[in-house]
Amino acid sequence: AVPPAQGSPAIDRRYWKVDPGLLPRAESLHQTQLRLLPYYEDEVASRLRAGKDQLIVAHGSSLRALIKYLEKINNVDILKLEVPNAQAIVYDFDQDLNIVDKMITN
């Protein structure tokens, strides 16, 4: 479900030149995942496959959407997932980008 819409993004000067109709005021986790996954596949996954470590720093909703995808979490269980603030989640992947280890740092 899409959460309640927030105030107008047009009040932020970064968006003054953008048509307000193009700026979302709310986004569901599913919508976030649809927006995030093309970037993940094109930029992050391609670098991981090339053997390059990646650091991702993002908003909690974006991280939840990525974790849902990486860990293959279903729509019911994702509701229980809490992403810790200021703690790194470190994944080790095999060559097919399946998770082989996960560690949360303190």
N, C-alpha and C. Protein backbone atom coordinates (compact mmCIF):
# COMPACT_ATOMS: atom_id res chain seq x y z
N ALA A 1 0.84 -1.19 0.00
CA ALA A 1 0.00 0.00 0.00
C ALA A 1 0.88 1.24 0.00
N VAL A 2 0.41 2.24 -0.69
CA VAL A 2 1.13 3.51 -0.73
C VAL A 2 0.79 4.28 0.54
N PRO A 3 1.80 4.78 1.24
CA PRO A 3 1.53 5.55 2.47
C PRO A 3 0.86 6.88 2.13
N PRO A 4 0.35 7.59 3.15
CA PRO A 4 -0.26 8.89 2.89
C PRO A 4 0.73 9.85 2.22
N ALA A 5 0.22 10.66 1.30
CA ALA A 5 1.08 11.61 0.58
C ALA A 5 1.65 12.65 1.54
N GLN A 6 2.87 13.04 1.28
CA GLN A 6 3.55 14.06 2.06
C GLN A 6 3.32 15.42 1.43
N GLY A 7 3.83 16.45 2.08
CA GLY A 7 3.71 17.81 1.56
C GLY A 7 4.36 17.96 0.20
N SER A 8 4.14 19.07 -0.41
CA SER A 8 4.65 19.32 -1.76
C SER A 8 6.17 19.35 -1.80
N PRO A 9 6.80 18.57 -2.70
CA PRO A 9 8.26 18.65 -2.84
C PRO A 9 8.70 19.96 -3.46
N ALA A 10 7.74 20.72 -4.01
CA ALA A 10 8.09 21.98 -4.67
C ALA A 10 8.64 23.00 -3.68
N ILE A 11 8.45 22.81 -2.39
CA ILE A 11 9.00 23.76 -1.42
C ILE A 11 10.51 23.60 -1.28
N ASP A 12 11.04 22.47 -1.72
CA ASP A 12 12.48 22.24 -1.69
C ASP A 12 13.08 22.85 -2.96
N ARG A 13 14.02 23.75 -2.80
CA ARG A 13 14.56 24.49 -3.95
C ARG A 13 15.21 23.59 -4.99
N ARG A 14 15.60 22.38 -4.61
CA ARG A 14 16.18 21.46 -5.59
C ARG A 14 15.19 21.07 -6.67
N TYR A 15 13.89 21.22 -6.38
CA TYR A 15 12.85 20.77 -7.30
C TYR A 15 12.07 21.91 -7.94
N TRP A 16 12.49 23.14 -7.76
CA TRP A 16 11.75 24.29 -8.29
C TRP A 16 11.56 24.23 -9.79
N LYS A 17 12.51 23.68 -10.52
CA LYS A 17 12.44 23.67 -11.98
C LYS A 17 11.77 22.41 -12.54
N VAL A 18 11.29 21.54 -11.66
CA VAL A 18 10.67 20.29 -12.08
C VAL A 18 9.15 20.43 -11.98
N ASP A 19 8.46 19.91 -12.98
CA ASP A 19 7.00 19.91 -12.98
C ASP A 19 6.52 19.16 -11.73
N PRO A 20 5.76 19.82 -10.84
CA PRO A 20 5.30 19.16 -9.61
C PRO A 20 4.52 17.88 -9.87
N GLY A 21 3.88 17.76 -11.02
CA GLY A 21 3.14 16.55 -11.34
C GLY A 21 4.03 15.34 -11.55
N LEU A 22 5.33 15.58 -11.77
CA LEU A 22 6.28 14.48 -11.98
C LEU A 22 6.92 13.99 -10.68
N LEU A 23 6.69 14.74 -9.60
CA LEU A 23 7.33 14.41 -8.33
C LEU A 23 6.38 13.61 -7.44
N PRO A 24 6.77 12.40 -7.08
CA PRO A 24 5.90 11.60 -6.21
C PRO A 24 5.86 12.19 -4.80
N ARG A 25 4.72 12.09 -4.17
CA ARG A 25 4.58 12.55 -2.79
C ARG A 25 4.46 11.38 -1.83
N ALA A 26 4.42 10.18 -2.38
CA ALA A 26 4.37 8.96 -1.58
C ALA A 26 4.83 7.82 -2.46
N GLU A 27 5.36 6.77 -1.82
CA GLU A 27 5.86 5.63 -2.58
C GLU A 27 5.78 4.38 -1.72
N SER A 28 5.18 3.33 -2.25
CA SER A 28 5.11 2.06 -1.54
C SER A 28 6.46 1.36 -1.63
N LEU A 29 6.64 0.33 -0.82
CA LEU A 29 7.88 -0.45 -0.89
C LEU A 29 8.02 -1.11 -2.26
N HIS A 30 6.92 -1.56 -2.81
CA HIS A 30 6.94 -2.17 -4.15
C HIS A 30 7.38 -1.14 -5.20
N GLN A 31 6.85 0.06 -5.13
CA GLN A 31 7.25 1.12 -6.06
C GLN A 31 8.73 1.47 -5.89
N THR A 32 9.18 1.50 -4.64
CA THR A 32 10.59 1.77 -4.37
C THR A 32 11.45 0.69 -5.01
N GLN A 33 11.04 -0.56 -4.86
CA GLN A 33 11.79 -1.68 -5.43
C GLN A 33 11.82 -1.60 -6.96
N LEU A 34 10.72 -1.24 -7.57
CA LEU A 34 10.68 -1.11 -9.03
C LEU A 34 11.63 0.00 -9.52
N ARG A 35 11.76 1.05 -8.74
CA ARG A 35 12.64 2.16 -9.09
C ARG A 35 14.10 1.80 -8.85
N LEU A 36 14.34 1.02 -7.80
CA LEU A 36 15.70 0.71 -7.36
C LEU A 36 16.36 -0.41 -8.16
N LEU A 37 15.62 -1.44 -8.52
CA LEU A 37 16.23 -2.64 -9.11
C LEU A 37 16.95 -2.41 -10.44
N PRO A 38 16.45 -1.58 -11.34
CA PRO A 38 17.23 -1.34 -12.55
C PRO A 38 18.61 -0.74 -12.24
N TYR A 39 18.67 0.18 -11.30
CA TYR A 39 19.96 0.76 -10.92
C TYR A 39 20.85 -0.32 -10.29
N TYR A 40 20.27 -1.12 -9.40
CA TYR A 40 21.04 -2.19 -8.76
C TYR A 40 21.63 -3.12 -9.82
N GLU A 41 20.82 -3.57 -10.75
CA GLU A 41 21.30 -4.51 -11.77
C GLU A 41 22.36 -3.87 -12.67
N ASP A 42 22.11 -2.64 -13.11
CA ASP A 42 23.03 -1.98 -14.05
C ASP A 42 24.34 -1.55 -13.40
N GLU A 43 24.27 -1.04 -12.20
CA GLU A 43 25.45 -0.43 -11.58
C GLU A 43 26.09 -1.32 -10.50
N VAL A 44 25.32 -1.72 -9.53
CA VAL A 44 25.87 -2.44 -8.38
C VAL A 44 26.19 -3.89 -8.73
N ALA A 45 25.20 -4.62 -9.23
CA ALA A 45 25.41 -6.05 -9.52
C ALA A 45 26.50 -6.26 -10.56
N SER A 46 26.54 -5.39 -11.54
CA SER A 46 27.59 -5.55 -12.57
C SER A 46 28.98 -5.38 -11.96
N ARG A 47 29.12 -4.48 -11.02
CA ARG A 47 30.43 -4.30 -10.35
C ARG A 47 30.74 -5.47 -9.43
N LEU A 48 29.71 -5.97 -8.74
CA LEU A 48 29.93 -7.14 -7.88
C LEU A 48 30.40 -8.33 -8.71
N ARG A 49 29.77 -8.53 -9.86
CA ARG A 49 30.17 -9.64 -10.74
C ARG A 49 31.60 -9.48 -11.22
N ALA A 50 32.06 -8.24 -11.32
CA ALA A 50 33.43 -7.96 -11.74
C ALA A 50 34.41 -8.05 -10.57
N GLY A 51 33.92 -8.45 -9.39
CA GLY A 51 34.79 -8.64 -8.24
C GLY A 51 35.06 -7.38 -7.44
N LYS A 52 34.27 -6.33 -7.67
CA LYS A 52 34.47 -5.06 -6.96
C LYS A 52 33.51 -4.96 -5.78
N ASP A 53 34.05 -4.62 -4.61
CA ASP A 53 33.20 -4.38 -3.45
C ASP A 53 32.35 -3.14 -3.70
N GLN A 54 31.16 -3.10 -3.09
CA GLN A 54 30.26 -1.96 -3.23
C GLN A 54 29.78 -1.51 -1.86
N LEU A 55 29.69 -0.21 -1.66
CA LEU A 55 29.13 0.36 -0.44
C LEU A 55 27.85 1.07 -0.83
N ILE A 56 26.77 0.74 -0.17
CA ILE A 56 25.48 1.37 -0.45
C ILE A 56 25.03 2.07 0.82
N VAL A 57 24.80 3.35 0.71
CA VAL A 57 24.28 4.16 1.80
C VAL A 57 22.97 4.75 1.31
N ALA A 58 21.88 4.48 2.02
CA ALA A 58 20.58 4.90 1.50
C ALA A 58 19.58 5.07 2.64
N HIS A 59 18.41 5.57 2.29
CA HIS A 59 17.29 5.71 3.20
C HIS A 59 16.77 4.32 3.57
N GLY A 60 16.18 4.19 4.72
CA GLY A 60 15.68 2.91 5.20
C GLY A 60 14.75 2.20 4.24
N SER A 61 13.85 2.93 3.59
CA SER A 61 12.91 2.28 2.66
C SER A 61 13.64 1.70 1.45
N SER A 62 14.62 2.42 0.95
CA SER A 62 15.39 1.90 -0.18
C SER A 62 16.18 0.67 0.23
N LEU A 63 16.73 0.71 1.43
CA LEU A 63 17.49 -0.45 1.91
C LEU A 63 16.57 -1.64 2.12
N ARG A 64 15.39 -1.42 2.68
CA ARG A 64 14.43 -2.51 2.87
C ARG A 64 14.05 -3.13 1.53
N ALA A 65 13.85 -2.30 0.51
CA ALA A 65 13.50 -2.81 -0.82
C ALA A 65 14.64 -3.65 -1.39
N LEU A 66 15.87 -3.20 -1.20
CA LEU A 66 17.02 -3.96 -1.69
C LEU A 66 17.19 -5.26 -0.91
N ILE A 67 17.07 -5.20 0.40
CA ILE A 67 17.19 -6.41 1.23
C ILE A 67 16.10 -7.41 0.88
N LYS A 68 14.88 -6.93 0.65
CA LYS A 68 13.78 -7.81 0.24
C LYS A 68 14.16 -8.58 -1.01
N TYR A 69 14.75 -7.89 -1.96
CA TYR A 69 15.16 -8.52 -3.21
C TYR A 69 16.33 -9.49 -2.98
N LEU A 70 17.36 -9.03 -2.31
CA LEU A 70 18.57 -9.85 -2.13
C LEU A 70 18.29 -11.12 -1.32
N GLU A 71 17.49 -10.97 -0.26
CA GLU A 71 17.24 -12.10 0.63
C GLU A 71 15.96 -12.87 0.27
N LYS A 72 15.32 -12.44 -0.81
CA LYS A 72 14.10 -13.10 -1.30
C LYS A 72 13.04 -13.20 -0.19
N ILE A 73 12.81 -12.06 0.46
CA ILE A 73 11.84 -11.99 1.56
C ILE A 73 10.45 -11.77 0.98
N ASN A 74 9.47 -12.51 1.47
CA ASN A 74 8.10 -12.37 0.95
C ASN A 74 7.42 -11.11 1.50
N ASN A 75 6.27 -10.81 0.94
CA ASN A 75 5.56 -9.57 1.28
C ASN A 75 5.07 -9.51 2.73
N VAL A 76 4.86 -10.65 3.35
CA VAL A 76 4.43 -10.67 4.75
C VAL A 76 5.63 -10.47 5.67
N ASP A 77 6.69 -11.21 5.44
CA ASP A 77 7.85 -11.14 6.32
C ASP A 77 8.60 -9.82 6.22
N ILE A 78 8.52 -9.13 5.09
CA ILE A 78 9.23 -7.86 4.96
C ILE A 78 8.67 -6.82 5.92
N LEU A 79 7.40 -6.97 6.31
CA LEU A 79 6.79 -6.03 7.25
C LEU A 79 7.46 -6.07 8.61
N LYS A 80 8.11 -7.18 8.93
CA LYS A 80 8.78 -7.34 10.23
C LYS A 80 10.24 -6.89 10.21
N LEU A 81 10.76 -6.62 9.02
CA LEU A 81 12.18 -6.29 8.90
C LEU A 81 12.47 -4.88 9.38
N GLU A 82 13.39 -4.76 10.30
CA GLU A 82 13.88 -3.47 10.77
C GLU A 82 15.31 -3.33 10.28
N VAL A 83 15.61 -2.24 9.60
CA VAL A 83 16.97 -1.96 9.14
C VAL A 83 17.63 -1.11 10.22
N PRO A 84 18.71 -1.61 10.81
CA PRO A 84 19.36 -0.85 11.90
C PRO A 84 20.02 0.42 11.39
N ASN A 85 19.90 1.49 12.19
CA ASN A 85 20.57 2.74 11.86
C ASN A 85 22.04 2.66 12.24
N ALA A 86 22.88 3.22 11.41
CA ALA A 86 24.32 3.37 11.68
C ALA A 86 25.03 2.04 11.93
N GLN A 87 24.52 0.96 11.36
CA GLN A 87 25.19 -0.33 11.42
C GLN A 87 25.31 -0.87 10.00
N ALA A 88 26.49 -1.31 9.68
CA ALA A 88 26.69 -1.87 8.34
C ALA A 88 26.14 -3.28 8.25
N ILE A 89 25.49 -3.57 7.15
CA ILE A 89 25.08 -4.93 6.83
C ILE A 89 26.02 -5.38 5.72
N VAL A 90 26.82 -6.38 6.00
CA VAL A 90 27.84 -6.84 5.05
C VAL A 90 27.40 -8.19 4.48
N TYR A 91 27.29 -8.22 3.16
CA TYR A 91 26.93 -9.45 2.47
C TYR A 91 28.14 -9.97 1.72
N ASP A 92 28.32 -11.27 1.74
CA ASP A 92 29.27 -11.94 0.85
C ASP A 92 28.43 -12.75 -0.13
N PHE A 93 28.80 -12.65 -1.41
CA PHE A 93 28.05 -13.31 -2.47
C PHE A 93 28.93 -14.33 -3.18
N ASP A 94 28.28 -15.33 -3.76
CA ASP A 94 29.02 -16.23 -4.65
C ASP A 94 29.05 -15.59 -6.04
N GLN A 95 29.58 -16.29 -7.01
CA GLN A 95 29.74 -15.70 -8.35
C GLN A 95 28.41 -15.42 -9.04
N ASP A 96 27.33 -16.06 -8.57
CA ASP A 96 26.00 -15.82 -9.14
C ASP A 96 25.18 -14.82 -8.32
N LEU A 97 25.86 -14.16 -7.38
CA LEU A 97 25.27 -13.17 -6.49
C LEU A 97 24.23 -13.74 -5.55
N ASN A 98 24.41 -15.01 -5.18
CA ASN A 98 23.62 -15.58 -4.10
C ASN A 98 24.35 -15.26 -2.80
N ILE A 99 23.62 -14.94 -1.76
CA ILE A 99 24.23 -14.61 -0.49
C ILE A 99 24.81 -15.86 0.14
N VAL A 100 26.08 -15.79 0.52
CA VAL A 100 26.73 -16.91 1.22
C VAL A 100 26.98 -16.56 2.68
N ASP A 101 26.99 -15.25 3.01
CA ASP A 101 27.19 -14.83 4.40
C ASP A 101 26.62 -13.43 4.57
N LYS A 102 26.10 -13.17 5.77
CA LYS A 102 25.58 -11.85 6.12
C LYS A 102 26.04 -11.53 7.52
N MET A 103 26.53 -10.31 7.70
CA MET A 103 26.99 -9.88 9.03
C MET A 103 26.49 -8.45 9.26
N ILE A 104 25.98 -8.18 10.46
CA ILE A 104 25.60 -6.83 10.85
C ILE A 104 26.61 -6.37 11.88
N THR A 105 27.27 -5.25 11.58
CA THR A 105 28.31 -4.74 12.47
C THR A 105 27.71 -3.88 13.56
N ASN A 106 28.44 -3.74 14.64
CA ASN A 106 28.00 -2.86 15.74
C ASN A 106 28.68 -1.53 15.71
